[in-house]
Amino acid sequence: MKYLDEVKTILTDVLGLDPATPLSADTPLLGSLPELDSMAVVSLIGALEDHFGIAVDDDDISASTFATLGSLAAFVEQKAA
């Protein structure tokens, strides 16, 4: 997955996670990481938009996008294409 490591780094920074936290493409996000609340989702989307030069519309956002780190990275890859 092309953007997995970059998305992981941004997620870690935005949520203030320990960089040594083991995160893989299969790591569940929404509902599994207590740090990922609604305000953190907004901050994360802003950070992803800034870093990758993408625009995320409200209609683009769904729970499935934030299901796992892999689904989030795939979403970013699709938006950046």
N, C-alpha and C. Protein backbone atom coordinates (compact mmCIF):
# COMPACT_ATOMS: atom_id res chain seq x y z
N MET A 1 0.85 -1.17 0.00
CA MET A 1 0.00 0.00 0.00
C MET A 1 0.89 1.24 0.00
N LYS A 2 0.67 2.06 -0.97
CA LYS A 2 1.57 3.18 -1.25
C LYS A 2 1.71 4.19 -0.11
N TYR A 3 0.61 4.54 0.54
CA TYR A 3 0.65 5.63 1.52
C TYR A 3 0.57 5.16 2.97
N LEU A 4 0.65 3.86 3.21
CA LEU A 4 0.42 3.31 4.54
C LEU A 4 1.35 3.92 5.60
N ASP A 5 2.64 3.95 5.33
CA ASP A 5 3.59 4.47 6.33
C ASP A 5 3.37 5.95 6.61
N GLU A 6 3.09 6.73 5.58
CA GLU A 6 2.86 8.17 5.78
C GLU A 6 1.58 8.42 6.58
N VAL A 7 0.52 7.67 6.26
CA VAL A 7 -0.75 7.81 6.98
C VAL A 7 -0.56 7.38 8.44
N LYS A 8 0.21 6.32 8.64
CA LYS A 8 0.50 5.85 10.01
C LYS A 8 1.22 6.93 10.81
N THR A 9 2.19 7.58 10.21
CA THR A 9 2.94 8.64 10.89
C THR A 9 2.02 9.82 11.24
N ILE A 10 1.18 10.21 10.30
CA ILE A 10 0.26 11.32 10.54
C ILE A 10 -0.74 10.96 11.64
N LEU A 11 -1.27 9.74 11.59
CA LEU A 11 -2.21 9.28 12.61
C LEU A 11 -1.55 9.29 13.99
N THR A 12 -0.35 8.81 14.07
CA THR A 12 0.39 8.77 15.33
C THR A 12 0.61 10.18 15.86
N ASP A 13 0.98 11.11 14.98
CA ASP A 13 1.22 12.50 15.39
C ASP A 13 -0.07 13.18 15.86
N VAL A 14 -1.13 13.05 15.08
CA VAL A 14 -2.39 13.73 15.39
C VAL A 14 -2.98 13.21 16.70
N LEU A 15 -2.90 11.90 16.91
CA LEU A 15 -3.49 11.31 18.10
C LEU A 15 -2.56 11.33 19.31
N GLY A 16 -1.30 11.72 19.08
CA GLY A 16 -0.34 11.76 20.17
C GLY A 16 0.02 10.38 20.69
N LEU A 17 0.03 9.41 19.79
CA LEU A 17 0.37 8.04 20.16
C LEU A 17 1.88 7.88 20.27
N ASP A 18 2.30 6.92 21.05
CA ASP A 18 3.72 6.56 21.13
C ASP A 18 4.13 6.05 19.75
N PRO A 19 5.21 6.58 19.18
CA PRO A 19 5.65 6.13 17.85
C PRO A 19 5.95 4.63 17.79
N ALA A 20 6.17 4.02 18.94
CA ALA A 20 6.45 2.59 18.97
C ALA A 20 5.17 1.75 18.99
N THR A 21 4.01 2.42 19.01
CA THR A 21 2.73 1.69 19.00
C THR A 21 2.66 0.85 17.74
N PRO A 22 2.42 -0.45 17.90
CA PRO A 22 2.37 -1.32 16.71
C PRO A 22 1.08 -1.09 15.92
N LEU A 23 1.22 -0.53 14.75
CA LEU A 23 0.07 -0.29 13.86
C LEU A 23 0.36 -0.94 12.52
N SER A 24 -0.60 -1.70 12.02
CA SER A 24 -0.46 -2.34 10.70
C SER A 24 -1.70 -2.00 9.88
N ALA A 25 -1.73 -2.44 8.65
CA ALA A 25 -2.88 -2.18 7.78
C ALA A 25 -4.16 -2.73 8.38
N ASP A 26 -4.07 -3.80 9.16
CA ASP A 26 -5.25 -4.44 9.74
C ASP A 26 -5.66 -3.86 11.09
N THR A 27 -4.92 -2.89 11.61
CA THR A 27 -5.23 -2.31 12.91
C THR A 27 -6.57 -1.57 12.85
N PRO A 28 -7.54 -1.98 13.69
CA PRO A 28 -8.82 -1.27 13.72
C PRO A 28 -8.63 0.12 14.31
N LEU A 29 -9.35 1.10 13.78
CA LEU A 29 -9.23 2.48 14.23
C LEU A 29 -10.48 2.94 14.97
N LEU A 30 -11.52 3.29 14.23
CA LEU A 30 -12.72 3.86 14.81
C LEU A 30 -13.36 2.87 15.78
N GLY A 31 -13.52 3.30 17.00
CA GLY A 31 -14.10 2.44 18.02
C GLY A 31 -13.07 1.61 18.77
N SER A 32 -11.85 1.57 18.27
CA SER A 32 -10.80 0.78 18.91
C SER A 32 -9.71 1.64 19.54
N LEU A 33 -9.46 2.79 18.98
CA LEU A 33 -8.49 3.73 19.54
C LEU A 33 -9.26 4.82 20.27
N PRO A 34 -9.19 4.83 21.60
CA PRO A 34 -9.96 5.85 22.34
C PRO A 34 -9.58 7.28 21.97
N GLU A 35 -8.36 7.47 21.49
CA GLU A 35 -7.90 8.81 21.11
C GLU A 35 -8.62 9.32 19.85
N LEU A 36 -9.18 8.39 19.06
CA LEU A 36 -9.79 8.76 17.78
C LEU A 36 -11.28 9.08 18.00
N ASP A 37 -11.52 10.26 18.56
CA ASP A 37 -12.89 10.72 18.76
C ASP A 37 -13.26 11.64 17.59
N SER A 38 -14.45 12.22 17.66
CA SER A 38 -14.92 13.02 16.53
C SER A 38 -14.02 14.22 16.24
N MET A 39 -13.50 14.85 17.28
CA MET A 39 -12.61 16.00 17.06
C MET A 39 -11.28 15.54 16.46
N ALA A 40 -10.80 14.38 16.87
CA ALA A 40 -9.56 13.85 16.32
C ALA A 40 -9.73 13.48 14.85
N VAL A 41 -10.92 13.00 14.49
CA VAL A 41 -11.19 12.68 13.08
C VAL A 41 -11.07 13.95 12.23
N VAL A 42 -11.64 15.04 12.72
CA VAL A 42 -11.57 16.33 12.00
C VAL A 42 -10.11 16.77 11.86
N SER A 43 -9.35 16.67 12.94
CA SER A 43 -7.93 17.05 12.91
C SER A 43 -7.14 16.15 11.96
N LEU A 44 -7.45 14.86 11.99
CA LEU A 44 -6.76 13.91 11.13
C LEU A 44 -7.06 14.19 9.66
N ILE A 45 -8.30 14.46 9.34
CA ILE A 45 -8.66 14.78 7.95
C ILE A 45 -7.91 16.03 7.50
N GLY A 46 -7.85 17.05 8.34
CA GLY A 46 -7.11 18.26 7.99
C GLY A 46 -5.64 17.99 7.76
N ALA A 47 -5.05 17.17 8.61
CA ALA A 47 -3.63 16.84 8.45
C ALA A 47 -3.39 16.05 7.17
N LEU A 48 -4.29 15.13 6.85
CA LEU A 48 -4.15 14.36 5.61
C LEU A 48 -4.31 15.26 4.39
N GLU A 49 -5.27 16.19 4.45
CA GLU A 49 -5.46 17.13 3.33
C GLU A 49 -4.21 17.97 3.12
N ASP A 50 -3.65 18.48 4.20
CA ASP A 50 -2.45 19.32 4.10
C ASP A 50 -1.26 18.54 3.58
N HIS A 51 -1.05 17.35 4.13
CA HIS A 51 0.14 16.56 3.78
C HIS A 51 0.10 16.06 2.33
N PHE A 52 -1.06 15.56 1.92
CA PHE A 52 -1.16 14.94 0.60
C PHE A 52 -1.72 15.86 -0.48
N GLY A 53 -2.14 17.07 -0.10
CA GLY A 53 -2.70 17.99 -1.07
C GLY A 53 -4.02 17.51 -1.65
N ILE A 54 -4.83 16.88 -0.81
CA ILE A 54 -6.12 16.37 -1.25
C ILE A 54 -7.23 17.20 -0.61
N ALA A 55 -8.42 17.04 -1.13
CA ALA A 55 -9.60 17.68 -0.55
C ALA A 55 -10.59 16.58 -0.20
N VAL A 56 -11.03 16.57 1.03
CA VAL A 56 -11.98 15.57 1.50
C VAL A 56 -13.32 16.26 1.74
N ASP A 57 -14.32 15.86 0.98
CA ASP A 57 -15.67 16.40 1.14
C ASP A 57 -16.39 15.65 2.25
N ASP A 58 -17.37 16.29 2.84
CA ASP A 58 -18.15 15.64 3.89
C ASP A 58 -18.76 14.33 3.41
N ASP A 59 -19.18 14.30 2.15
CA ASP A 59 -19.79 13.09 1.59
C ASP A 59 -18.80 11.94 1.45
N ASP A 60 -17.51 12.24 1.46
CA ASP A 60 -16.47 11.22 1.32
C ASP A 60 -16.25 10.44 2.62
N ILE A 61 -16.68 11.02 3.72
CA ILE A 61 -16.34 10.46 5.02
C ILE A 61 -17.39 9.46 5.46
N SER A 62 -16.93 8.26 5.81
CA SER A 62 -17.82 7.23 6.34
C SER A 62 -17.06 6.41 7.37
N ALA A 63 -17.80 5.66 8.15
CA ALA A 63 -17.16 4.81 9.16
C ALA A 63 -16.24 3.80 8.51
N SER A 64 -16.57 3.33 7.31
CA SER A 64 -15.73 2.33 6.65
C SER A 64 -14.37 2.90 6.27
N THR A 65 -14.32 4.21 6.02
CA THR A 65 -13.04 4.86 5.71
C THR A 65 -12.08 4.74 6.88
N PHE A 66 -12.62 4.85 8.09
CA PHE A 66 -11.81 4.82 9.31
C PHE A 66 -11.87 3.47 10.02
N ALA A 67 -12.26 2.42 9.31
CA ALA A 67 -12.37 1.09 9.92
C ALA A 67 -11.00 0.57 10.34
N THR A 68 -10.01 0.67 9.45
CA THR A 68 -8.66 0.20 9.74
C THR A 68 -7.65 1.20 9.19
N LEU A 69 -6.42 1.05 9.60
CA LEU A 69 -5.36 1.89 9.04
C LEU A 69 -5.25 1.66 7.54
N GLY A 70 -5.43 0.43 7.12
CA GLY A 70 -5.37 0.10 5.69
C GLY A 70 -6.49 0.75 4.89
N SER A 71 -7.70 0.77 5.45
CA SER A 71 -8.82 1.40 4.72
C SER A 71 -8.61 2.91 4.63
N LEU A 72 -8.02 3.50 5.66
CA LEU A 72 -7.74 4.93 5.62
C LEU A 72 -6.65 5.23 4.59
N ALA A 73 -5.61 4.41 4.54
CA ALA A 73 -4.54 4.60 3.57
C ALA A 73 -5.06 4.41 2.15
N ALA A 74 -5.96 3.44 1.95
CA ALA A 74 -6.54 3.21 0.62
C ALA A 74 -7.39 4.40 0.20
N PHE A 75 -8.11 4.98 1.15
CA PHE A 75 -8.91 6.18 0.87
C PHE A 75 -8.00 7.34 0.42
N VAL A 76 -6.91 7.56 1.14
CA VAL A 76 -5.97 8.61 0.78
C VAL A 76 -5.39 8.36 -0.60
N GLU A 77 -5.03 7.11 -0.87
CA GLU A 77 -4.47 6.76 -2.19
C GLU A 77 -5.48 7.06 -3.30
N GLN A 78 -6.74 6.74 -3.07
CA GLN A 78 -7.78 7.00 -4.06
C GLN A 78 -7.96 8.50 -4.27
N LYS A 79 -7.97 9.28 -3.19
CA LYS A 79 -8.14 10.73 -3.30
C LYS A 79 -6.94 11.39 -3.97
N ALA A 80 -5.76 10.84 -3.76
CA ALA A 80 -4.55 11.44 -4.32
C ALA A 80 -4.34 11.08 -5.79
N ALA A 81 -5.10 10.10 -6.27
CA ALA A 81 -4.92 9.64 -7.67
C ALA A 81 -5.44 10.65 -8.66
